[in-house]
Amino acid sequence: MDGRRVVLLHGIWMVGATMQWFGARLREAGFVPETFGYHSIVGGPEQAVPQLVEQLRGGGEADIVAHSLGGLIALQALAAHPDLPVTRVVCLGVPLCGSAAASALSDLPVAGRMLGRSAPLLQQGCAVWPQRLQVGMIAGRLPHGLGALFAHFEGEHDGTVSVEETRAAALADHVLVEAGHSGLLFSAEAARHAIDFLRDGHFRH
């Protein structure tokens, strides 16, 4: 799988450069990373999904590594266009079952605007994708983040997304790492797991 194209998607309130460190780790491992940048607030999924579809169709076979909201956008695109040339998706702290923190934030008159057009997708999640697709989840369990102030998580969480929100029956594999939500993007452990999944379709637990 070395030399394979990997498209990187950032999360909400972030930009393409946020994925630079992770992309460098993939490049060192022999992959060919490229970034998909999008406007998470003013554009949202309605704008990002067709743009992602266009990028995926334009460069041949690929895999995806996506953080948080980026994972929901990627899976929404793949569910709507099952013929896209993607085999594996690595999710980093993606709330597949919907984000309690986003739902709580949306209930606040002013703070709710911070989620913009991405609010519905974050609240609902996206746990459906083509059966042929292999999706692996890397979830963090260091509670470093402000999301816990809004969501009041009961179980393990990464400060923004709970571990339970990252689980779905259709996942090919699921692994926990010692990282907070944003810390997943700079975690050597998460990068190692991502590389393993991109190569083999499973994590080395």
Protein backbone atom coordinates (compact mmCIF):
# COMPACT_ATOMS: atom_id res chain seq x y z
CA MET A 1 0.00 0.00 0.00
CA ASP A 2 3.04 2.29 0.13
CA GLY A 3 2.87 5.10 -2.40
CA ARG A 4 -0.92 5.18 -2.08
CA ARG A 5 -2.78 8.47 -2.10
CA VAL A 6 -4.28 9.52 1.26
CA VAL A 7 -6.66 12.48 1.51
CA LEU A 8 -6.62 14.32 4.87
CA LEU A 9 -9.65 16.16 6.29
CA HIS A 10 -9.55 18.53 9.24
CA GLY A 11 -12.27 19.15 11.82
CA ILE A 12 -14.44 22.14 12.70
CA TRP A 13 -12.79 25.55 13.33
CA MET A 14 -9.62 24.23 11.71
CA VAL A 15 -7.82 24.61 8.37
CA GLY A 16 -5.94 22.28 6.05
CA ALA A 17 -2.59 23.12 7.65
CA THR A 18 -3.87 21.52 10.86
CA MET A 19 -3.24 18.14 9.25
CA GLN A 20 0.37 18.93 8.29
CA TRP A 21 2.03 17.00 11.14
CA PHE A 22 -0.10 13.92 10.53
CA GLY A 23 0.52 14.14 6.80
CA ALA A 24 4.28 14.23 7.41
CA ARG A 25 4.08 10.98 9.39
CA LEU A 26 2.17 9.33 6.54
CA ARG A 27 4.71 10.59 4.00
CA GLU A 28 7.55 9.14 6.09
CA ALA A 29 5.71 5.81 6.00
CA GLY A 30 5.60 5.86 2.20
CA PHE A 31 2.12 7.25 1.54
CA VAL A 32 1.28 10.27 -0.62
CA PRO A 33 -0.84 12.60 1.52
CA GLU A 34 -2.91 15.48 0.18
CA THR A 35 -5.12 17.89 2.12
CA PHE A 36 -8.77 18.66 1.55
CA GLY A 37 -9.58 22.06 3.04
CA TYR A 38 -13.14 23.33 3.50
CA HIS A 39 -15.12 26.04 5.29
CA SER A 40 -16.61 24.25 8.29
CA ILE A 41 -18.80 27.14 9.54
CA VAL A 42 -20.00 29.24 6.60
CA GLY A 43 -19.89 26.41 4.06
CA GLY A 44 -20.67 23.26 6.00
CA PRO A 45 -21.36 19.81 4.54
CA GLU A 46 -23.57 21.16 1.73
CA GLN A 47 -20.54 22.85 0.22
CA ALA A 48 -17.80 20.49 1.41
CA VAL A 49 -19.28 17.17 0.28
CA PRO A 50 -19.49 17.96 -3.47
CA GLN A 51 -16.03 19.54 -3.35
CA LEU A 52 -14.62 16.43 -1.68
CA VAL A 53 -16.32 14.18 -4.23
CA GLU A 54 -14.71 16.20 -7.03
CA GLN A 55 -11.25 15.92 -5.45
CA LEU A 56 -11.60 12.17 -4.85
CA ARG A 57 -12.72 11.52 -8.42
CA GLY A 58 -9.90 13.60 -9.86
CA GLY A 59 -6.87 11.73 -8.58
CA GLY A 60 -7.38 7.99 -8.78
CA GLU A 61 -7.67 5.47 -5.95
CA ALA A 62 -7.25 6.82 -2.43
CA ASP A 63 -7.76 6.29 1.27
CA ILE A 64 -8.85 8.90 3.81
CA VAL A 65 -7.69 10.07 7.24
CA ALA A 66 -10.18 12.45 8.84
CA HIS A 67 -10.49 14.25 12.18
CA SER A 68 -13.79 14.92 13.95
CA LEU A 69 -16.26 16.72 11.64
CA GLY A 70 -14.03 15.85 8.68
CA GLY A 71 -14.83 12.18 9.21
CA LEU A 72 -18.57 12.83 9.11
CA ILE A 73 -18.19 14.80 5.88
CA ALA A 74 -16.07 12.04 4.33
CA LEU A 75 -18.53 9.30 5.29
CA GLN A 76 -21.49 11.36 4.10
CA ALA A 77 -19.78 11.76 0.73
CA LEU A 78 -19.00 8.05 0.51
CA ALA A 79 -22.56 7.08 1.50
CA ALA A 80 -24.00 9.35 -1.19
CA HIS A 81 -21.45 8.25 -3.82
CA PRO A 82 -20.56 4.59 -3.11
CA ASP A 83 -18.61 4.35 -6.37
CA LEU A 84 -15.91 6.76 -5.17
CA PRO A 85 -12.40 5.19 -5.47
CA VAL A 86 -11.85 4.91 -1.70
CA THR A 87 -11.10 1.67 0.16
CA ARG A 88 -10.19 2.63 3.73
CA VAL A 89 -11.06 5.49 6.07
CA VAL A 90 -9.25 6.23 9.33
CA CYS A 91 -11.38 8.32 11.70
CA LEU A 92 -9.75 10.39 14.46
CA GLY A 93 -12.21 11.18 17.23
CA VAL A 94 -15.21 11.25 14.90
CA PRO A 95 -18.64 11.35 16.64
CA LEU A 96 -20.29 8.74 14.43
CA CYS A 97 -23.32 8.58 16.72
CA GLY A 98 -23.69 12.34 17.03
CA SER A 99 -22.00 14.82 19.34
CA ALA A 100 -23.62 15.58 22.70
CA ALA A 101 -21.30 18.57 23.05
CA ALA A 102 -22.51 19.96 19.73
CA SER A 103 -26.14 19.42 20.71
CA ALA A 104 -25.62 21.19 24.03
CA LEU A 105 -23.75 24.05 22.35
CA SER A 106 -26.51 24.46 19.77
CA ASP A 107 -29.01 25.04 22.55
CA LEU A 108 -27.16 28.18 23.61
CA PRO A 109 -28.40 31.21 21.60
CA VAL A 110 -25.03 32.81 20.86
CA ALA A 111 -22.69 29.83 21.21
CA GLY A 112 -24.84 27.79 18.85
CA ARG A 113 -23.78 30.02 15.97
CA MET A 114 -20.20 28.79 16.42
CA LEU A 115 -21.16 25.52 14.72
CA GLY A 116 -22.65 27.26 11.69
CA ARG A 117 -23.94 25.04 8.90
CA SER A 118 -22.14 22.01 10.31
CA ALA A 119 -24.39 21.86 13.40
CA PRO A 120 -26.96 19.34 12.06
CA LEU A 121 -24.33 16.84 10.88
CA LEU A 122 -22.42 17.07 14.17
CA GLN A 123 -25.61 16.47 16.14
CA GLN A 124 -26.84 13.59 14.01
CA GLY A 125 -23.55 11.87 13.17
CA CYS A 126 -23.08 9.50 10.25
CA ALA A 127 -22.76 5.80 11.01
CA VAL A 128 -23.80 4.43 7.60
CA TRP A 129 -21.42 3.76 4.72
CA PRO A 130 -20.99 1.28 1.85
CA GLN A 131 -20.33 -2.28 3.06
CA ARG A 132 -17.18 -2.60 0.96
CA LEU A 133 -15.58 0.32 2.81
CA GLN A 134 -13.20 -0.44 5.69
CA VAL A 135 -13.52 2.19 8.43
CA GLY A 136 -11.26 2.25 11.50
CA MET A 137 -11.71 4.52 14.51
CA ILE A 138 -8.93 5.96 16.68
CA ALA A 139 -10.54 7.51 19.76
CA GLY A 140 -8.86 9.56 22.46
CA ARG A 141 -9.47 9.15 26.17
CA LEU A 142 -7.59 12.05 27.75
CA PRO A 143 -10.30 14.49 28.89
CA HIS A 144 -8.59 17.63 27.60
CA GLY A 145 -11.16 19.97 26.04
CA LEU A 146 -14.04 22.32 26.68
CA GLY A 147 -16.71 19.99 25.30
CA ALA A 148 -17.08 18.29 28.67
CA LEU A 149 -18.38 21.56 30.12
CA PHE A 150 -21.39 21.33 27.82
CA ALA A 151 -21.95 17.59 27.37
CA HIS A 152 -21.37 16.23 30.92
CA PHE A 153 -19.93 12.93 29.68
CA GLU A 154 -20.38 9.88 31.91
CA GLY A 155 -17.83 7.54 30.35
CA GLU A 156 -14.38 7.99 28.81
CA HIS A 157 -13.94 10.95 26.47
CA ASP A 158 -11.30 13.11 24.79
CA GLY A 159 -12.62 16.40 26.15
CA THR A 160 -14.91 16.94 23.15
CA VAL A 161 -16.19 13.55 21.98
CA SER A 162 -17.07 10.57 24.17
CA VAL A 163 -15.70 7.13 23.35
CA GLU A 164 -19.25 5.81 23.02
CA GLU A 165 -19.98 8.43 20.36
CA THR A 166 -17.14 6.97 18.27
CA ARG A 167 -18.47 3.41 18.24
CA ALA A 168 -20.56 1.88 15.45
CA ALA A 169 -21.33 -1.72 14.56
CA ALA A 170 -20.04 -1.34 11.00
CA LEU A 171 -16.52 -0.30 12.06
CA ALA A 172 -13.77 -2.66 10.91
CA ASP A 173 -11.76 -1.85 14.05
CA HIS A 174 -11.66 0.55 17.01
CA VAL A 175 -8.73 1.53 19.22
CA LEU A 176 -8.17 3.94 22.13
CA VAL A 177 -5.11 6.16 22.55
CA GLU A 178 -3.90 8.47 25.31
CA ALA A 179 -4.75 11.77 23.65
CA GLY A 180 -7.25 14.59 23.83
CA HIS A 181 -9.44 15.58 20.89
CA SER A 182 -7.03 18.02 19.26
CA GLY A 183 -4.08 16.01 20.55
CA LEU A 184 -5.05 13.15 18.23
CA LEU A 185 -3.58 15.21 15.39
CA PHE A 186 -0.13 15.24 17.05
CA SER A 187 -0.10 11.79 18.65
CA ALA A 188 2.66 9.41 17.53
CA GLU A 189 0.51 6.54 18.81
CA ALA A 190 -2.46 7.65 16.69
CA ALA A 191 -0.22 8.06 13.63
CA ARG A 192 1.21 4.56 14.09
CA HIS A 193 -2.30 3.10 14.34
CA ALA A 194 -3.42 5.02 11.26
CA ILE A 195 -0.50 3.70 9.23
CA ASP A 196 -1.24 0.13 10.34
CA PHE A 197 -4.89 0.44 9.32
CA LEU A 198 -4.09 2.00 5.96
CA ARG A 199 -1.75 -0.90 5.24
CA ASP A 200 -3.66 -3.84 6.73
CA GLY A 201 -7.26 -2.81 7.40
CA HIS A 202 -6.91 -3.33 11.15
CA PHE A 203 -5.04 -1.97 14.16
CA ARG A 204 -2.28 -3.70 16.09
CA HIS A 205 -3.78 -3.69 19.58
